[in-house]
C-alpha atoms as a PDB file:
ATOM      1  CA  GLN A   1     -24.483-253.527 262.150  1.00  0.00           C
ATOM      2  CA  PHE A   2     -27.420-251.327 260.433  1.00  0.00           C
ATOM      3  CA  ILE A   3     -25.532-250.404 257.743  1.00  0.00           C
ATOM      4  CA  GLU A   4     -23.946-253.720 256.969  1.00  0.00           C
ATOM      5  CA  PHE A   5     -27.696-255.375 257.242  1.00  0.00           C
ATOM      6  CA  VAL A   6     -28.803-252.815 254.253  1.00  0.00           C
ATOM      7  CA  GLY A   7     -25.395-254.349 251.928  1.00  0.00           C
ATOM      8  CA  ASP A   8     -26.379-257.831 253.034  1.00  0.00           C
ATOM      9  CA  VAL A   9     -30.035-257.067 251.691  1.00  0.00           C
ATOM     10  CA  ALA A  10     -28.717-255.373 248.628  1.00  0.00           C
ATOM     11  CA  LYS A  11     -26.105-257.996 247.934  1.00  0.00           C
ATOM     12  CA  LEU A  12     -28.809-260.457 248.194  1.00  0.00           C
ATOM     13  CA  LYS A  13     -31.483-258.698 246.346  1.00  0.00           C
ATOM     14  CA  LEU A  14     -28.709-258.601 243.127  1.00  0.00           C
ATOM     15  CA  THR A  15     -27.976-262.282 243.335  1.00  0.00           C
ATOM     16  CA  ALA A  16     -30.962-263.871 244.434  1.00  0.00           C
ATOM     17  CA  PRO A  17     -34.180-261.661 244.141  1.00  0.00           C
ATOM     18  CA  ASP A  18     -36.629-264.250 244.904  1.00  0.00           C
ATOM     19  CA  THR A  19     -35.203-264.172 249.009  1.00  0.00           C
ATOM     20  CA  ASP A  20     -37.558-263.509 251.757  1.00  0.00           C
ATOM     21  CA  PHE A  21     -36.030-261.180 253.804  1.00  0.00           C
ATOM     22  CA  GLU A  22     -38.682-261.131 256.569  1.00  0.00           C
ATOM     23  CA  GLU A  23     -36.376-263.617 258.689  1.00  0.00           C
ATOM     24  CA  MET A  24     -33.090-261.184 258.849  1.00  0.00           C
ATOM     25  CA  ARG A  25     -35.421-257.777 259.388  1.00  0.00           C
ATOM     26  CA  VAL A  26     -36.854-260.054 262.171  1.00  0.00           C
ATOM     27  CA  ALA A  27     -33.178-260.732 263.644  1.00  0.00           C
ATOM     28  CA  GLN A  28     -31.938-257.050 262.597  1.00  0.00           C
ATOM     29  CA  VAL A  29     -35.173-255.707 264.716  1.00  0.00           C
ATOM     30  CA  ALA A  30     -34.333-258.149 267.866  1.00  0.00           C
ATOM     31  CA  LYS A  31     -30.556-256.969 267.684  1.00  0.00           C
ATOM     32  CA  LEU A  32     -30.830-253.244 267.136  1.00  0.00           C
ATOM     33  CA  GLY A  33     -34.135-252.666 269.065  1.00  0.00           C
ATOM     34  CA  GLU A  34     -35.497-250.515 266.291  1.00  0.00           C
ATOM     35  CA  ASN A  35     -38.327-251.517 264.265  1.00  0.00           C
ATOM     36  CA  ILE A  36     -36.940-251.947 260.533  1.00  0.00           C
ATOM     37  CA  LEU A  37     -39.405-252.039 257.884  1.00  0.00           C
ATOM     38  CA  LEU A  38     -38.455-252.465 254.070  1.00  0.00           C
ATOM     39  CA  SER A  39     -40.869-250.257 251.914  1.00  0.00           C
ATOM     40  CA  ARG A  40     -39.636-251.057 248.419  1.00  0.00           C
ATOM     41  CA  ASP A  41     -36.558-252.034 246.882  1.00  0.00           C
ATOM     42  CA  ALA A  42     -35.484-251.226 242.990  1.00  0.00           C
ATOM     43  CA  LYS A  43     -32.943-251.544 240.604  1.00  0.00           C
ATOM     44  CA  LEU A  44     -31.453-249.317 237.526  1.00  0.00           C
ATOM     45  CA  GLU A  45     -29.148-250.778 234.833  1.00  0.00           C
ATOM     46  CA  VAL A  46     -27.609-248.834 231.626  1.00  0.00           C
ATOM     47  CA  ASP A  47     -28.587-249.223 228.097  1.00  0.00           C
ATOM     48  CA  GLY A  48     -25.656-248.092 226.093  1.00  0.00           C
ATOM     49  CA  THR A  49     -23.422-245.644 227.551  1.00  0.00           C
ATOM     50  CA  GLY A  50     -24.194-244.063 231.042  1.00  0.00           C
ATOM     51  CA  LEU A  51     -23.836-244.805 234.707  1.00  0.00           C
ATOM     52  CA  VAL A  52     -26.109-244.783 237.597  1.00  0.00           C
ATOM     53  CA  ALA A  53     -24.921-243.097 240.201  1.00  0.00           C
ATOM     54  CA  ALA A  54     -26.206-243.024 243.825  1.00  0.00           C
ATOM     55  CA  TYR A  55     -26.185-239.957 246.364  1.00  0.00           C
ATOM     56  CA  ILE A  56     -26.860-240.191 250.048  1.00  0.00           C
ATOM     57  CA  HIS A  57     -28.154-236.602 251.490  1.00  0.00           C
ATOM     58  CA  THR A  58     -26.233-235.564 254.713  1.00  0.00           C
ATOM     59  CA  GLY A  59     -28.213-237.444 257.582  1.00  0.00           C
ATOM     60  CA  ALA A  60     -28.787-240.580 255.666  1.00  0.00           C
ATOM     61  CA  LYS A  61     -32.729-239.822 255.499  1.00  0.00           C
ATOM     62  CA  VAL A  62     -32.954-239.218 251.504  1.00  0.00           C
ATOM     63  CA  GLY A  63     -31.089-241.511 248.983  1.00  0.00           C
ATOM     64  CA  VAL A  64     -31.036-241.013 245.065  1.00  0.00           C
ATOM     65  CA  LEU A  65     -30.531-243.236 242.430  1.00  0.00           C
ATOM     66  CA  LEU A  66     -29.748-241.832 238.968  1.00  0.00           C
ATOM     67  CA  GLN A  67     -29.471-243.399 235.597  1.00  0.00           C
ATOM     68  CA  VAL A  68     -27.772-240.638 233.160  1.00  0.00           C
ATOM     69  CA  GLY A  69     -26.640-241.730 229.494  1.00  0.00           C
ATOM     70  CA  ALA A  70     -24.111-239.879 227.374  1.00  0.00           C
ATOM     71  CA  GLY A  71     -23.030-240.685 223.375  1.00  0.00           C
ATOM     72  CA  LYS A  72     -19.738-241.179 224.052  1.00  0.00           C
ATOM     73  CA  GLU A  73     -17.771-243.296 226.515  1.00  0.00           C
ATOM     74  CA  ASP A  74     -14.956-240.571 227.006  1.00  0.00           C
ATOM     75  CA  THR A  75     -17.827-238.603 228.480  1.00  0.00           C
ATOM     76  CA  LEU A  76     -18.087-240.494 231.864  1.00  0.00           C
ATOM     77  CA  GLY A  77     -14.713-239.980 233.200  1.00  0.00           C
ATOM     78  CA  ASN A  78     -14.966-235.852 232.791  1.00  0.00           C
ATOM     79  CA  ASP A  79     -14.717-234.248 235.987  1.00  0.00           C
ATOM     80  CA  ASP A  80     -17.789-231.778 234.573  1.00  0.00           C
ATOM     81  CA  PHE A  81     -19.619-234.787 234.181  1.00  0.00           C
ATOM     82  CA  LYS A  82     -19.347-235.967 237.219  1.00  0.00           C
ATOM     83  CA  VAL A  83     -19.915-232.890 239.120  1.00  0.00           C
ATOM     84  CA  LEU A  84     -23.094-232.619 236.680  1.00  0.00           C
ATOM     85  CA  VAL A  85     -24.120-236.100 237.885  1.00  0.00           C
ATOM     86  CA  LYS A  86     -23.586-235.284 241.262  1.00  0.00           C
ATOM     87  CA  ASP A  87     -25.434-231.631 241.248  1.00  0.00           C
ATOM     88  CA  ILE A  88     -28.788-233.594 239.427  1.00  0.00           C
ATOM     89  CA  THR A  89     -28.409-236.255 242.645  1.00  0.00           C
ATOM     90  CA  LEU A  90     -28.178-233.483 245.069  1.00  0.00           C
ATOM     91  CA  HIS A  91     -30.780-231.225 243.335  1.00  0.00           C
ATOM     92  CA  ILE A  92     -33.610-234.439 243.379  1.00  0.00           C
ATOM     93  CA  ALA A  93     -32.799-235.315 246.907  1.00  0.00           C
ATOM     94  CA  ALA A  94     -33.615-231.543 247.676  1.00  0.00           C
ATOM     95  CA  SER A  95     -36.200-231.004 245.373  1.00  0.00           C
ATOM     96  CA  ALA A  96     -38.109-234.133 245.002  1.00  0.00           C
ATOM     97  CA  PRO A  97     -39.553-234.203 241.250  1.00  0.00           C
ATOM     98  CA  VAL A  98     -42.026-236.810 240.922  1.00  0.00           C
ATOM     99  CA  SER A  99     -40.870-237.653 237.367  1.00  0.00           C
ATOM    100  CA  VAL A 100     -37.850-237.010 234.672  1.00  0.00           C
ATOM    101  CA  SER A 101     -40.255-235.500 232.449  1.00  0.00           C
ATOM    102  CA  ARG A 102     -44.163-234.193 232.151  1.00  0.00           C
ATOM    103  CA  ASP A 103     -44.538-237.534 230.013  1.00  0.00           C
ATOM    104  CA  GLU A 104     -43.856-239.185 232.754  1.00  0.00           C
ATOM    105  CA  VAL A 105     -46.051-237.695 235.204  1.00  0.00           C
ATOM    106  CA  ASP A 106     -48.853-240.345 236.598  1.00  0.00           C
ATOM    107  CA  PRO A 107     -52.080-239.491 234.485  1.00  0.00           C
ATOM    108  CA  GLU A 108     -54.093-239.490 237.633  1.00  0.00           C
ATOM    109  CA  LEU A 109     -51.725-237.413 239.512  1.00  0.00           C
ATOM    110  CA  VAL A 110     -52.015-234.695 236.328  1.00  0.00           C
ATOM    111  CA  ALA A 111     -55.989-234.966 235.969  1.00  0.00           C
ATOM    112  CA  LYS A 112     -56.262-234.028 239.690  1.00  0.00           C
ATOM    113  CA  GLU A 113     -54.165-231.378 239.217  1.00  0.00           C
ATOM    114  CA  GLN A 114     -55.695-230.197 236.087  1.00  0.00           C
ATOM    115  CA  ALA A 115     -59.322-230.439 238.372  1.00  0.00           C
ATOM    116  CA  ILE A 116     -58.040-228.046 241.340  1.00  0.00           C
ATOM    117  CA  ALA A 117     -56.509-225.946 238.050  1.00  0.00           C
ATOM    118  CA  GLU A 118     -60.461-225.800 236.879  1.00  0.00           C
ATOM    119  CA  GLU A 119     -62.013-225.339 240.163  1.00  0.00           C
ATOM    120  CA  GLN A 120     -59.527-222.565 240.745  1.00  0.00           C
ATOM    121  CA  ALA A 121     -60.682-220.711 237.269  1.00  0.00           C
ATOM    122  CA  VAL A 122     -64.523-220.830 238.452  1.00  0.00           C
ATOM    123  CA  GLY A 123     -66.205-217.665 237.853  1.00  0.00           C
ATOM    124  CA  LYS A 124     -63.540-215.928 235.619  1.00  0.00           C
ATOM    125  CA  PRO A 125     -63.852-214.663 231.861  1.00  0.00           C
ATOM    126  CA  PRO A 126     -64.484-217.427 229.479  1.00  0.00           C
ATOM    127  CA  GLN A 127     -61.730-216.317 227.270  1.00  0.00           C
ATOM    128  CA  ALA A 128     -59.573-216.216 230.317  1.00  0.00           C
ATOM    129  CA  ILE A 129     -60.184-219.761 231.861  1.00  0.00           C
ATOM    130  CA  GLU A 130     -58.022-221.845 229.034  1.00  0.00           C
ATOM    131  CA  LYS A 131     -55.369-219.559 229.887  1.00  0.00           C
ATOM    132  CA  ILE A 132     -55.812-219.614 233.823  1.00  0.00           C
ATOM    133  CA  VAL A 133     -55.740-223.763 233.732  1.00  0.00           C
ATOM    134  CA  THR A 134     -52.495-223.719 230.998  1.00  0.00           C
ATOM    135  CA  GLY A 135     -50.863-221.593 233.177  1.00  0.00           C
ATOM    136  CA  LYS A 136     -51.280-223.393 236.515  1.00  0.00           C
ATOM    137  CA  MET A 137     -50.387-226.856 234.865  1.00  0.00           C
ATOM    138  CA  ASN A 138     -46.868-225.211 233.519  1.00  0.00           C
ATOM    139  CA  LYS A 139     -46.500-224.154 237.062  1.00  0.00           C
ATOM    140  CA  PHE A 140     -47.427-227.754 238.316  1.00  0.00           C
ATOM    141  CA  PHE A 141     -44.945-229.484 235.702  1.00  0.00           C
ATOM    142  CA  ALA A 142     -42.443-226.911 236.103  1.00  0.00           C
ATOM    143  CA  THR A 143     -41.976-227.554 240.041  1.00  0.00           C
ATOM    144  CA  SER A 144     -42.734-232.060 239.571  1.00  0.00           C
ATOM    145  CA  CYS A 145     -40.759-232.551 236.221  1.00  0.00           C
ATOM    146  CA  LEU A 146     -37.434-232.654 237.079  1.00  0.00           C
ATOM    147  CA  LEU A 147     -36.124-231.243 233.789  1.00  0.00           C
ATOM    148  CA  GLU A 148     -38.293-228.482 234.130  1.00  0.00           C
ATOM    149  CA  GLN A 149     -37.098-227.631 237.803  1.00  0.00           C
ATOM    150  CA  GLY A 150     -35.328-224.741 238.612  1.00  0.00           C
ATOM    151  CA  PHE A 151     -31.245-225.883 239.284  1.00  0.00           C
ATOM    152  CA  VAL A 152     -31.129-226.162 242.890  1.00  0.00           C
ATOM    153  CA  LYS A 153     -27.314-224.338 242.647  1.00  0.00           C
ATOM    154  CA  ASN A 154     -28.905-221.716 239.935  1.00  0.00           C
ATOM    155  CA  PRO A 155     -32.531-221.510 240.305  1.00  0.00           C
ATOM    156  CA  ASP A 156     -32.441-218.891 237.103  1.00  0.00           C
ATOM    157  CA  ILE A 157     -31.824-222.145 234.655  1.00  0.00           C
ATOM    158  CA  SER A 158     -33.584-225.130 234.336  1.00  0.00           C
ATOM    159  CA  ILE A 159     -32.349-228.484 234.778  1.00  0.00           C
ATOM    160  CA  LYS A 160     -32.397-229.019 231.795  1.00  0.00           C
ATOM    161  CA  ASP A 161     -30.985-225.745 230.524  1.00  0.00           C
ATOM    162  CA  HIS A 162     -28.180-227.172 232.447  1.00  0.00           C
ATOM    163  CA  ILE A 163     -27.487-230.259 231.016  1.00  0.00           C
ATOM    164  CA  ALA A 164     -27.744-228.772 227.870  1.00  0.00           C
ATOM    165  CA  SER A 165     -25.205-226.248 228.883  1.00  0.00           C
ATOM    166  CA  VAL A 166     -22.516-228.987 230.199  1.00  0.00           C
ATOM    167  CA  ALA A 167     -23.158-231.455 226.965  1.00  0.00           C
ATOM    168  CA  GLN A 168     -22.507-228.508 224.682  1.00  0.00           C
ATOM    169  CA  ALA A 169     -19.343-227.972 226.568  1.00  0.00           C
ATOM    170  CA  LEU A 170     -18.526-231.692 226.419  1.00  0.00           C
ATOM    171  CA  GLY A 171     -19.716-232.283 222.760  1.00  0.00           C
ATOM    172  CA  ASP A 172     -21.654-234.726 223.796  1.00  0.00           C
ATOM    173  CA  GLU A 173     -25.340-235.408 224.730  1.00  0.00           C
ATOM    174  CA  ILE A 174     -26.107-236.191 227.972  1.00  0.00           C
ATOM    175  CA  THR A 175     -29.758-237.958 228.914  1.00  0.00           C
ATOM    176  CA  VAL A 176     -31.297-237.831 232.559  1.00  0.00           C
ATOM    177  CA  ALA A 177     -32.998-241.854 231.645  1.00  0.00           C
ATOM    178  CA  LYS A 178     -34.866-242.417 235.127  1.00  0.00           C
ATOM    179  CA  PHE A 179     -34.071-241.471 238.818  1.00  0.00           C
ATOM    180  CA  LEU A 180     -35.183-243.371 241.924  1.00  0.00           C
ATOM    181  CA  ARG A 181     -35.381-240.886 245.368  1.00  0.00           C
ATOM    182  CA  PHE A 182     -35.852-242.736 248.800  1.00  0.00           C
ATOM    183  CA  GLN A 183     -36.766-240.852 252.021  1.00  0.00           C
ATOM    184  CA  VAL A 184     -36.677-242.561 255.871  1.00  0.00           C
ATOM    185  CA  GLY A 185     -40.168-243.237 256.520  1.00  0.00           C
ATOM    186  CA  GLU A 186     -41.818-243.027 253.374  1.00  0.00           C
ATOM    187  CA  SER A 187     -44.515-245.509 252.722  1.00  0.00           C
ATOM    188  CA  PHE A 188     -45.636-246.942 249.224  1.00  0.00           C
END
């Protein structure tokens, strides 16, 4: 019943986005006896050649939407491309990056991390402070940005390098445009 409810909400969000879901939500809560909160919804659309992939992690507590682009239409049907896309969605579910790349990280979060790094460098020799802060910021980006993270199936290479390797093998350009990660209990 819950999955059917979620499907109905998703269809209505696409066809009638201004619909008020509160009445539906209250009815579902009464039917299931479980509190249901709709914390956020989102929609990804493909620009040009690409696709939007969906992944629900085992246990249905984490879900991922991934928008991927390719230079050639043929690439979308290639098995290696399909495996790559699935692996990236699985990686996002497991590693919880905050953005695709450095330039997409919330400036407030970057400033906060910069302040922490600077605080940790207090008392160090002046010539070392800049290197320490830069190193700590690079580490922050390497754990927070999808393209810089070590690939969950092979941490010795970054997601960016893994994508480049598959793209080269396919003779195409593959890009990650955007992702959304949803987790049960999150609040926005």
